[in-house]
Amino acid sequence: MLKPINIFLIFCIVASRLLPHPPNFTPVIAIFMMSSTISLVPCLIAYMITDAIIGWHPYLLWVYSSLLLVGLFKTNVLASCIVFFIVTNFAVWFGSSYYTQDLLGLITCYVMAIPFFLSTLSSTYIFHHMLTSFNYSSIIRRTSILKA
């Protein structure tokens, strides 16, 4: 059974993907960083459902894989964003004709994606801070209620 915090996180994934937002400015990576291995599957399913609504793209497996890596290894914000950046932009280079299929094309792909990385990094930092603060304050409230 899903805990209320998991339902809230799933709602955040769906809302952040369906509502208008600046490119790559969502709480998705921060949510996957916070999810336990039990709640990784519902988060991934929520992401898949929104992909079905928004539209499928050829990089889905790469995106899902990078999110699972973030959720499983739970490193810091910077490392999580770098994993997402490297995996998903490698997929764009590898699976498209936008860039030449050589080292220069790969480098160009990563350089062109830097503005999106900055957006991803700033949003992940902000949302991770918000979610950990929310989680910490809810733990304090529960323990203070138990002490009373």
Protein backbone atom coordinates (compact mmCIF):
# COMPACT_ATOMS: atom_id res chain seq x y z
CA MET A 1 0.00 0.00 0.00
CA LEU A 2 1.25 3.47 -0.86
CA LYS A 3 2.03 5.86 1.96
CA PRO A 4 0.59 9.39 1.80
CA ILE A 5 4.03 10.83 1.02
CA ASN A 6 4.34 8.48 -1.97
CA ILE A 7 0.94 9.53 -3.27
CA PHE A 8 2.00 13.16 -2.90
CA LEU A 9 5.24 12.51 -4.82
CA ILE A 10 3.38 10.72 -7.62
CA PHE A 11 0.96 13.64 -7.83
CA CYS A 12 3.96 16.00 -8.09
CA ILE A 13 5.40 13.97 -10.98
CA VAL A 14 2.12 14.01 -12.89
CA ALA A 15 1.39 17.69 -12.23
CA SER A 16 4.91 18.84 -13.05
CA ARG A 17 4.87 17.05 -16.38
CA LEU A 18 1.35 18.03 -17.46
CA LEU A 19 1.29 21.66 -16.33
CA PRO A 20 3.25 24.26 -18.32
CA HIS A 21 6.79 24.80 -17.05
CA PRO A 22 10.19 26.00 -18.27
CA PRO A 23 12.16 23.29 -20.10
CA ASN A 24 13.62 20.70 -17.72
CA PHE A 25 12.45 22.62 -14.63
CA THR A 26 10.58 19.85 -12.78
CA PRO A 27 10.86 18.01 -9.46
CA VAL A 28 11.22 14.62 -11.15
CA ILE A 29 14.90 13.94 -10.38
CA ALA A 30 14.50 15.21 -6.81
CA ILE A 31 11.52 12.89 -6.33
CA PHE A 32 13.38 9.89 -7.69
CA MET A 33 16.29 10.76 -5.38
CA MET A 34 13.93 10.63 -2.39
CA SER A 35 11.92 7.58 -3.35
CA SER A 36 12.56 4.31 -1.60
CA THR A 37 13.06 1.19 -3.68
CA ILE A 38 9.45 0.29 -2.95
CA SER A 39 8.10 3.58 -4.29
CA LEU A 40 10.36 3.66 -7.36
CA VAL A 41 7.90 1.55 -9.34
CA PRO A 42 4.85 3.77 -8.72
CA CYS A 43 6.95 6.85 -9.55
CA LEU A 44 8.09 5.24 -12.79
CA ILE A 45 4.51 4.20 -13.64
CA ALA A 46 3.34 7.79 -13.05
CA TYR A 47 6.09 8.98 -15.39
CA MET A 48 5.02 6.43 -18.01
CA ILE A 49 1.37 7.49 -17.76
CA THR A 50 2.30 11.11 -18.36
CA ASP A 51 4.42 10.02 -21.32
CA ALA A 52 1.35 8.30 -22.75
CA ILE A 53 -0.56 11.59 -22.42
CA ILE A 54 2.23 13.91 -23.60
CA GLY A 55 3.46 11.58 -26.33
CA TRP A 56 6.00 8.82 -26.72
CA HIS A 57 9.53 9.54 -27.91
CA PRO A 58 12.42 7.29 -28.95
CA TYR A 59 14.48 8.01 -25.82
CA LEU A 60 12.04 6.64 -23.22
CA LEU A 61 14.16 3.67 -22.15
CA TRP A 62 17.17 5.92 -21.68
CA VAL A 63 15.17 8.41 -19.60
CA TYR A 64 13.58 5.67 -17.48
CA SER A 65 16.98 4.00 -16.99
CA SER A 66 18.58 7.24 -15.85
CA LEU A 67 15.74 7.90 -13.41
CA LEU A 68 16.04 4.37 -12.02
CA LEU A 69 19.79 4.88 -11.57
CA VAL A 70 19.12 8.12 -9.70
CA GLY A 71 16.53 6.39 -7.51
CA LEU A 72 18.65 3.34 -6.77
CA PHE A 73 21.95 5.06 -5.98
CA LYS A 74 20.55 8.17 -4.22
CA THR A 75 23.67 10.28 -4.56
CA ASN A 76 23.73 14.05 -4.19
CA VAL A 77 21.90 16.54 -6.41
CA LEU A 78 24.86 17.31 -8.66
CA ALA A 79 25.73 13.64 -9.28
CA SER A 80 22.10 12.75 -9.97
CA CYS A 81 21.76 15.56 -12.49
CA ILE A 82 25.03 14.59 -14.16
CA VAL A 83 23.87 10.97 -14.52
CA PHE A 84 20.59 12.12 -16.08
CA PHE A 85 22.44 14.56 -18.36
CA ILE A 86 25.04 12.05 -19.57
CA VAL A 87 22.60 9.20 -20.18
CA THR A 88 19.81 11.15 -21.86
CA ASN A 89 22.05 13.28 -24.05
CA PHE A 90 24.05 10.24 -25.10
CA ALA A 91 20.72 8.78 -26.20
CA VAL A 92 19.95 11.89 -28.25
CA TRP A 93 23.35 11.69 -29.93
CA PHE A 94 23.21 7.92 -30.45
CA GLY A 95 19.61 7.64 -31.60
CA SER A 96 19.10 10.68 -33.79
CA SER A 97 20.45 12.34 -36.90
CA TYR A 98 20.78 15.75 -35.20
CA TYR A 99 24.49 15.24 -34.63
CA THR A 100 27.25 13.47 -36.54
CA GLN A 101 27.99 10.00 -35.21
CA ASP A 102 31.54 10.75 -34.13
CA LEU A 103 33.32 12.25 -31.13
CA LEU A 104 32.76 15.80 -32.37
CA GLY A 105 29.04 15.12 -32.73
CA LEU A 106 28.88 13.73 -29.19
CA ILE A 107 30.73 16.73 -27.78
CA THR A 108 28.46 19.09 -29.73
CA CYS A 109 25.41 17.30 -28.36
CA TYR A 110 26.60 17.71 -24.76
CA VAL A 111 27.56 21.36 -25.29
CA MET A 112 24.18 22.17 -26.85
CA ALA A 113 22.46 20.58 -23.84
CA ILE A 114 24.23 22.69 -21.20
CA PRO A 115 21.38 25.24 -20.86
CA PHE A 116 18.98 22.35 -20.17
CA PHE A 117 21.43 20.94 -17.63
CA LEU A 118 21.51 24.25 -15.76
CA SER A 119 17.72 24.24 -15.62
CA THR A 120 17.68 20.61 -14.45
CA LEU A 121 20.32 21.28 -11.82
CA SER A 122 18.64 24.38 -10.41
CA SER A 123 15.18 22.79 -10.30
CA THR A 124 16.51 19.58 -8.74
CA TYR A 125 18.36 21.55 -6.08
CA ILE A 126 15.29 23.68 -5.27
CA PHE A 127 12.82 20.79 -5.22
CA HIS A 128 15.17 18.48 -3.34
CA HIS A 129 15.61 21.13 -0.67
CA MET A 130 11.84 21.67 -0.49
CA LEU A 131 11.06 17.96 -0.31
CA THR A 132 13.70 17.15 2.28
CA SER A 133 12.58 20.14 4.39
CA PHE A 134 8.97 18.95 4.11
CA ASN A 135 9.96 15.39 4.99
CA TYR A 136 12.12 16.54 7.93
CA SER A 137 9.41 18.82 9.33
CA SER A 138 6.79 16.06 9.08
CA ILE A 139 9.09 13.72 11.02
CA ILE A 140 9.56 16.37 13.72
CA ARG A 141 5.78 16.89 13.95
CA ARG A 142 5.16 13.15 14.30
CA THR A 143 7.80 12.71 16.99
CA SER A 144 6.61 15.77 18.94
CA ILE A 145 3.04 14.43 18.83
CA LEU A 146 4.27 11.11 20.20
CA LYS A 147 6.14 12.85 23.04
CA ALA A 148 3.10 14.91 24.07
